[in-house]
Amino acid sequence: MKAAQQAARAAAERDAEPDAGREAGGRSVAPFLADRTSVVESRLAAHYPKLRKPSPTKFKGTGYRQGMADGRNADIGSPAFGEGDWSA
């Protein structure tokens, strides 16, 4: 992602020459390519001063099997699939 931001910034600077990056009506596309990371981070810090960086999410490889087992054993108050009369 950082490489894409750097490439966009380089393209915006290259196109910032007079008349480069402008539409026929004279509007510049440069504001849409601006990096707002620092603005967003400063506003976030001002609004949530005690916010910490999140720890990486950890997953266990057993979650799928456990979910399947829980689904088979779940009691939802109706006949299990393939059991009973579903025509009602």
Protein backbone atom coordinates (compact mmCIF):
# COMPACT_ATOMS: atom_id res chain seq x y z
CA MET A 1 0.00 0.00 0.00
CA LYS A 2 2.84 2.34 0.79
CA ALA A 3 4.31 1.80 -2.67
CA ALA A 4 0.97 2.76 -4.24
CA GLN A 5 0.84 5.95 -2.18
CA GLN A 6 4.39 6.85 -3.18
CA ALA A 7 3.61 6.19 -6.84
CA ALA A 8 0.49 8.36 -6.65
CA ARG A 9 2.42 11.15 -4.94
CA ALA A 10 5.17 11.01 -7.57
CA ALA A 11 2.57 11.13 -10.35
CA ALA A 12 0.80 14.06 -8.70
CA GLU A 13 4.08 15.98 -8.35
CA ARG A 14 4.99 15.20 -11.96
CA ASP A 15 1.56 16.36 -13.12
CA ALA A 16 1.65 19.49 -10.95
CA GLU A 17 3.42 21.42 -13.70
CA PRO A 18 1.32 24.19 -15.31
CA ASP A 19 -1.68 22.80 -17.18
CA ALA A 20 -0.68 19.19 -16.35
CA GLY A 21 -3.36 17.19 -14.57
CA ARG A 22 -6.06 19.68 -15.44
CA GLU A 23 -9.33 18.98 -17.16
CA ALA A 24 -10.62 21.06 -20.03
CA GLY A 25 -12.53 23.24 -17.54
CA GLY A 26 -9.31 24.10 -15.71
CA ARG A 27 -9.90 21.92 -12.63
CA SER A 28 -6.97 20.10 -11.08
CA VAL A 29 -7.14 16.47 -10.01
CA ALA A 30 -4.31 16.95 -7.49
CA PRO A 31 -6.58 17.31 -4.40
CA PHE A 32 -7.88 13.79 -4.93
CA LEU A 33 -4.37 12.35 -4.89
CA ALA A 34 -3.27 14.09 -1.70
CA ASP A 35 -2.15 11.86 1.17
CA ARG A 36 -4.42 12.57 4.14
CA THR A 37 -2.87 10.02 6.50
CA SER A 38 -1.35 12.63 8.82
CA VAL A 39 -4.61 14.63 8.97
CA VAL A 40 -6.67 11.55 9.80
CA GLU A 41 -4.19 10.33 12.41
CA SER A 42 -4.02 13.72 14.15
CA ARG A 43 -7.82 14.02 14.29
CA LEU A 44 -8.11 10.47 15.57
CA ALA A 45 -5.54 11.18 18.29
CA ALA A 46 -7.35 14.40 19.25
CA HIS A 47 -10.74 12.67 19.49
CA TYR A 48 -9.47 9.46 21.17
CA PRO A 49 -6.34 10.39 23.16
CA LYS A 50 -6.12 7.05 24.99
CA LEU A 51 -6.53 4.86 21.90
CA ARG A 52 -3.79 2.27 21.46
CA LYS A 53 -2.71 0.44 18.35
CA PRO A 54 -4.59 -2.86 18.04
CA SER A 55 -2.81 -6.13 18.56
CA PRO A 56 -2.74 -8.50 15.61
CA THR A 57 -5.76 -10.76 15.30
CA LYS A 58 -4.99 -14.37 16.12
CA PHE A 59 -6.99 -17.22 14.66
CA LYS A 60 -6.93 -20.89 15.50
CA GLY A 61 -7.14 -23.43 12.73
CA THR A 62 -9.74 -25.40 14.66
CA GLY A 63 -12.50 -22.79 14.32
CA TYR A 64 -14.13 -24.28 11.21
CA ARG A 65 -14.41 -27.77 12.65
CA GLN A 66 -15.68 -26.43 15.95
CA GLY A 67 -18.34 -24.38 14.14
CA MET A 68 -19.47 -27.39 12.13
CA ALA A 69 -19.74 -29.48 15.30
CA ASP A 70 -21.66 -26.73 17.10
CA GLY A 71 -24.01 -26.40 14.13
CA ARG A 72 -24.76 -30.12 14.10
CA ASN A 73 -25.46 -30.09 17.82
CA ALA A 74 -27.50 -26.86 17.90
CA ASP A 75 -31.10 -27.13 19.07
CA ILE A 76 -33.20 -24.51 17.27
CA GLY A 77 -36.54 -26.02 18.25
CA SER A 78 -37.49 -27.61 14.94
CA PRO A 79 -36.77 -30.92 13.23
CA ALA A 80 -33.23 -31.41 12.00
CA PHE A 81 -32.64 -31.45 8.25
CA GLY A 82 -34.02 -34.64 6.78
CA GLU A 83 -36.17 -35.37 9.82
CA GLY A 84 -39.83 -34.74 10.35
CA ASP A 85 -42.49 -33.20 8.08
CA TRP A 86 -41.42 -29.95 6.33
CA SER A 87 -44.50 -29.68 4.12
CA ALA A 88 -46.47 -27.65 6.67
